[in-house]
Each structure stands twice: as C-alpha cells, then as structure tokens.
Amino acid sequence: MIRLSRAQVRKIDELAVQRFKIPGVVLMENAAHAAADVAWSMLTGRHGMVLILCGGGNNGGDGLAVARHLHNRGLDIRIALTVDPAKYRGEALANWEIVRAMGLPASQIDIAGLSSMRPILIIDAIFGTGLTEAPREPFPQIVQAVSKLAAPILAIDIPSGLDCDTGNPLGAACIAAHRTVTFVAEKAGFGNPEAIEYLGEVCVADIGCPRELIGEVARSG
C-alpha cells in the first residue's frame, strides 16, 4: 500500500501541474466529484440538509466544489465558512465565485447556531494535509459543536486537525469522521492505529494524477 507524506503530497500536486500540464482546477474538480459520490453513498436515499464546513486553502475549495455537485443532485446544502471568503485564492477562489454565481446558501459559521441545525450529513473541508500546527480558536469550539449534532461526518482528504505525517491530532481538538475520502493515496499518518478513531472508514479516490508520477514520488521517499 502506498502512503504519502505531506511533502510527497505537495510534490505530486506540483509535478502534476508543472510536468503533466494538468490544471489545478481540474484536480480539484476531480476530487470534488469523487467526494460527492462518497457523500451520496452515505445518504442511502435519505433526504434532508447537508452541512458543509469550508475552511481556506484547497481543502475549503474542495468543499465548495462538493457543495455545488450535491446541489445539482437535488440536495439541500448549507455552506458554513470558517474563514473570510476574501482570503480565497487560486482554485478555491474560482469555486467560491461559482458558488456565489449559483446563489448557493453560504455564510460565516455561527457556532451557537449550529446546535439548532439538523443535518443528515456533515462534510468536513476545514483543514487539509498542509496543516502543521494546532488550529487556533474557534476551531476547538467548532469541533465540540459539530460532535453534538450526532450526524455522520465525511472528511475531505483528512479529518481537520489530524497530522498528515503522524496520524495524531495537532492540538486538543480534531474532527472524528465516520468516513474519510482521501485523494491519490493514503497519507503516512493513516498507518497509525490511533488515527482510526478520527479517520473512520477510509477510501482512496483517483483525481487524475498519473500513476507513473505517484509511483515515482512514493519511491523517492
């Protein structure tokens, strides 16, 4: 089984764009489509509201793209932003602009208001594999509020707050997902038995990175 470190994940992303000329927005779109498929499978025909927690960076961009895919499948979605959308750049900004153009419901997260929500699924797209230090407030409050909603959680690429390389939480708070859809390959920290309580069931999704590239970077260590 291939497991990639944070540095290897970053290298694959860079080379996919630079050497293989795959636009970053294409990789994000492929990731979002795969994640939407997993989310759809978790719903098993149930109808209700899907809450999508979107942070900054590409993980938040993935969440925004997932939101529009699920909307197009007829689902009632709510996007809760954990960052000021003015901070979005690159592919994440592109997806934010699409979300706005589509008129999808998106607003800054209201932690107190989360307790009154009744989602049938929560999608965690707050932090990705690039996180290297303990998230600051209000992240611990968000984790606590989300855990009280008693809805299944799907983590995008990695549960927010989990260290990609060690599989341990980076701080006192970490999303505990029921399922994690991770991209390209499992991450190095997924081999840590203690990570299972945060990862839940793991599935690996292909986002279009050439398998030759994945093998090359994996062998490079």
Protein backbone atom coordinates (compact mmCIF):
# COMPACT_ATOMS: atom_id res chain seq x y z
CA MET A 1 0.00 0.00 0.00
CA ILE A 2 1.28 3.46 -0.89
CA ARG A 3 1.16 6.04 1.89
CA LEU A 4 2.36 9.57 1.20
CA SER A 5 3.91 12.16 3.48
CA ARG A 6 2.88 15.79 3.47
CA ALA A 7 5.95 16.66 1.39
CA GLN A 8 5.17 13.92 -1.13
CA VAL A 9 1.56 15.07 -1.48
CA ARG A 10 2.79 18.59 -2.20
CA LYS A 11 5.34 17.27 -4.72
CA ILE A 12 2.74 15.27 -6.62
CA ASP A 13 0.45 18.29 -6.82
CA GLU A 14 3.29 20.47 -8.11
CA LEU A 15 4.51 17.98 -10.73
CA ALA A 16 1.01 17.15 -11.93
CA VAL A 17 0.60 20.82 -12.81
CA GLN A 18 4.14 21.61 -13.99
CA ARG A 19 5.27 18.42 -15.76
CA PHE A 20 1.97 16.90 -16.84
CA LYS A 21 0.18 20.21 -17.53
CA ILE A 22 -2.93 19.25 -15.53
CA PRO A 23 -4.54 22.50 -14.30
CA GLY A 24 -5.01 22.65 -10.55
CA VAL A 25 -8.68 23.43 -11.01
CA VAL A 26 -9.08 20.13 -12.90
CA LEU A 27 -7.54 18.20 -9.99
CA MET A 28 -9.87 19.99 -7.57
CA GLU A 29 -12.89 19.26 -9.74
CA ASN A 30 -11.98 15.58 -9.92
CA ALA A 31 -11.51 15.48 -6.15
CA ALA A 32 -14.85 17.17 -5.54
CA HIS A 33 -16.69 14.84 -7.89
CA ALA A 34 -15.21 11.80 -6.13
CA ALA A 35 -16.07 13.21 -2.70
CA ALA A 36 -19.61 13.99 -3.81
CA ASP A 37 -20.01 10.35 -4.89
CA VAL A 38 -18.93 9.16 -1.44
CA ALA A 39 -21.25 11.66 0.26
CA TRP A 40 -24.12 10.47 -1.91
CA SER A 41 -23.45 6.86 -0.95
CA MET A 42 -23.54 7.76 2.74
CA LEU A 43 -27.02 9.24 2.43
CA THR A 44 -28.60 5.94 1.28
CA GLY A 45 -31.68 7.64 -0.12
CA ARG A 46 -32.33 9.89 2.89
CA HIS A 47 -33.41 13.47 2.33
CA GLY A 48 -32.52 16.46 4.45
CA MET A 49 -29.89 19.14 4.87
CA VAL A 50 -26.18 18.56 4.24
CA LEU A 51 -23.86 20.87 6.18
CA ILE A 52 -20.51 21.61 4.51
CA LEU A 53 -17.80 23.20 6.65
CA CYS A 54 -15.32 25.06 4.43
CA GLY A 55 -12.01 26.49 5.54
CA GLY A 56 -9.42 28.33 3.50
CA GLY A 57 -6.99 26.88 1.00
CA ASN A 58 -7.61 23.99 -1.31
CA ASN A 59 -9.44 21.88 1.26
CA GLY A 60 -12.05 24.61 1.55
CA GLY A 61 -12.12 24.84 -2.24
CA ASP A 62 -12.84 21.11 -2.40
CA GLY A 63 -15.76 21.63 -0.04
CA LEU A 64 -17.18 24.46 -2.12
CA ALA A 65 -16.99 22.32 -5.25
CA VAL A 66 -18.61 19.38 -3.44
CA ALA A 67 -21.43 21.70 -2.40
CA ARG A 68 -22.38 22.53 -5.96
CA HIS A 69 -22.19 18.89 -7.06
CA LEU A 70 -24.55 17.88 -4.26
CA HIS A 71 -26.83 20.81 -5.01
CA ASN A 72 -27.02 19.64 -8.62
CA ARG A 73 -28.11 16.23 -7.35
CA GLY A 74 -31.08 17.87 -5.68
CA LEU A 75 -29.80 18.02 -2.12
CA ASP A 76 -30.44 20.82 0.36
CA ILE A 77 -26.97 22.11 1.21
CA ARG A 78 -25.67 24.72 3.64
CA ILE A 79 -22.13 26.06 3.42
CA ALA A 80 -20.59 27.27 6.69
CA LEU A 81 -17.39 29.25 6.10
CA THR A 82 -14.71 29.18 8.78
CA VAL A 83 -12.67 31.90 7.02
CA ASP A 84 -13.36 35.22 5.39
CA PRO A 85 -14.02 34.33 1.73
CA ALA A 86 -11.97 37.37 0.72
CA LYS A 87 -8.94 35.23 1.61
CA TYR A 88 -9.65 32.61 -1.07
CA ARG A 89 -7.06 32.38 -3.83
CA GLY A 90 -6.48 30.27 -6.91
CA GLU A 91 -8.71 27.24 -7.39
CA ALA A 92 -10.54 27.85 -4.11
CA LEU A 93 -11.41 31.37 -5.25
CA ALA A 94 -12.65 30.01 -8.59
CA ASN A 95 -15.03 27.69 -6.78
CA TRP A 96 -16.15 30.41 -4.39
CA GLU A 97 -17.07 32.58 -7.37
CA ILE A 98 -19.06 29.69 -8.88
CA VAL A 99 -20.88 29.13 -5.59
CA ARG A 100 -21.79 32.82 -5.46
CA ALA A 101 -22.93 32.85 -9.08
CA MET A 102 -25.15 29.83 -8.38
CA GLY A 103 -26.64 31.55 -5.34
CA LEU A 104 -25.90 28.64 -3.02
CA PRO A 105 -26.52 29.32 0.68
CA ALA A 106 -23.19 30.22 2.25
CA SER A 107 -22.38 32.27 5.33
CA GLN A 108 -19.81 32.65 8.05
CA ILE A 109 -20.12 29.86 10.58
CA ASP A 110 -22.37 30.58 13.56
CA ILE A 111 -21.14 28.24 16.27
CA ALA A 112 -24.03 28.99 18.61
CA GLY A 113 -26.49 28.45 15.78
CA LEU A 114 -25.09 25.00 14.95
CA SER A 115 -26.98 23.48 17.87
CA SER A 116 -30.31 24.20 16.20
CA MET A 117 -29.31 22.60 12.88
CA ARG A 118 -30.39 19.08 11.96
CA PRO A 119 -28.09 17.92 9.16
CA ILE A 120 -28.27 14.38 7.86
CA LEU A 121 -24.61 14.60 6.85
CA ILE A 122 -21.70 16.88 7.72
CA ILE A 123 -18.79 17.36 5.33
CA ASP A 124 -15.52 18.44 6.87
CA ALA A 125 -13.46 20.58 4.48
CA ILE A 126 -11.80 22.89 7.01
CA PHE A 127 -8.13 21.85 7.07
CA GLY A 128 -6.20 19.57 4.73
CA THR A 129 -2.85 17.81 4.71
CA GLY A 130 -0.93 21.11 4.82
CA LEU A 131 -1.83 21.77 8.46
CA THR A 132 1.34 21.66 10.60
CA GLU A 133 0.33 23.24 13.91
CA ALA A 134 -2.55 23.19 16.34
CA PRO A 135 -5.52 25.11 14.92
CA ARG A 136 -6.45 28.22 16.85
CA GLU A 137 -9.87 29.21 18.15
CA PRO A 138 -12.63 28.95 17.15
CA PHE A 139 -11.70 25.54 15.70
CA PRO A 140 -11.96 23.67 19.06
CA GLN A 141 -15.39 25.22 19.56
CA ILE A 142 -16.44 24.12 16.07
CA VAL A 143 -15.32 20.54 16.75
CA GLN A 144 -17.26 20.46 20.01
CA ALA A 145 -20.40 21.88 18.42
CA VAL A 146 -20.23 19.51 15.44
CA SER A 147 -19.77 16.47 17.67
CA LYS A 148 -23.06 17.28 19.40
CA LEU A 149 -25.04 17.20 16.15
CA ALA A 150 -24.97 13.40 16.06
CA ALA A 151 -24.79 13.33 12.26
CA PRO A 152 -22.35 11.22 10.23
CA ILE A 153 -19.24 13.12 9.14
CA LEU A 154 -17.36 12.77 5.87
CA ALA A 155 -13.82 14.18 5.97
CA ILE A 156 -12.31 15.51 2.76
CA ASP A 157 -8.75 14.15 2.28
CA ILE A 158 -8.01 14.10 6.03
CA PRO A 159 -10.01 14.90 9.17
CA SER A 160 -9.40 18.51 10.15
CA GLY A 161 -6.85 18.79 12.92
CA LEU A 162 -5.12 15.46 12.19
CA ASP A 163 -1.42 15.49 11.34
CA CYS A 164 -0.83 14.04 7.87
CA ASP A 165 2.53 12.51 8.77
CA THR A 166 1.96 11.17 12.30
CA GLY A 167 -1.76 10.41 12.40
CA ASN A 168 -2.04 12.22 15.73
CA PRO A 169 -4.12 15.32 16.42
CA LEU A 170 -2.08 18.51 16.18
CA GLY A 171 -3.87 20.04 19.15
CA ALA A 172 -6.58 19.35 21.66
CA ALA A 173 -9.34 19.21 19.03
CA CYS A 174 -9.77 17.08 15.91
CA ILE A 175 -12.74 16.12 13.77
CA ALA A 176 -13.75 12.48 14.30
CA ALA A 177 -15.11 11.37 10.93
CA HIS A 178 -17.21 8.34 10.14
CA ARG A 179 -15.60 8.15 6.71
CA THR A 180 -12.61 9.82 5.06
CA VAL A 181 -12.27 10.16 1.30
CA THR A 182 -8.59 10.79 0.67
CA PHE A 183 -7.02 11.65 -2.67
CA VAL A 184 -4.27 9.93 -4.72
CA ALA A 185 -3.20 7.60 -1.86
CA GLU A 186 -3.49 7.13 1.86
CA LYS A 187 -1.43 9.51 3.93
CA ALA A 188 1.53 8.44 6.05
CA GLY A 189 -0.27 9.02 9.34
CA PHE A 190 -3.11 6.71 8.38
CA GLY A 191 -0.88 3.80 9.37
CA ASN A 192 -1.03 4.93 12.99
CA PRO A 193 -3.62 2.70 14.74
CA GLU A 194 -4.64 5.65 16.92
CA ALA A 195 -5.72 7.57 13.81
CA ILE A 196 -8.64 5.20 13.19
CA GLU A 197 -10.91 6.94 15.70
CA TYR A 198 -10.63 10.12 13.63
CA LEU A 199 -10.49 8.62 10.14
CA GLY A 200 -13.35 6.14 10.32
CA GLU A 201 -13.62 4.13 7.10
CA VAL A 202 -11.05 5.28 4.54
CA CYS A 203 -11.49 5.21 0.76
CA VAL A 204 -8.92 6.43 -1.77
CA ALA A 205 -10.14 8.46 -4.74
CA ASP A 206 -8.36 8.94 -8.05
CA ILE A 207 -8.21 12.60 -9.09
CA GLY A 208 -6.32 12.16 -12.35
CA CYS A 209 -2.68 12.28 -11.23
CA PRO A 210 -0.66 9.94 -13.49
CA ARG A 211 0.15 6.66 -11.75
CA GLU A 212 3.74 6.92 -13.01
CA LEU A 213 4.10 10.18 -11.08
CA ILE A 214 2.60 8.72 -7.91
CA GLY A 215 4.96 5.74 -8.06
CA GLU A 216 7.99 7.93 -8.74
CA VAL A 217 7.33 10.23 -5.79
CA ALA A 218 6.44 7.34 -3.47
CA ARG A 219 9.74 5.58 -4.30
CA SER A 220 11.68 8.78 -3.74
CA GLY A 221 10.78 8.73 -0.06
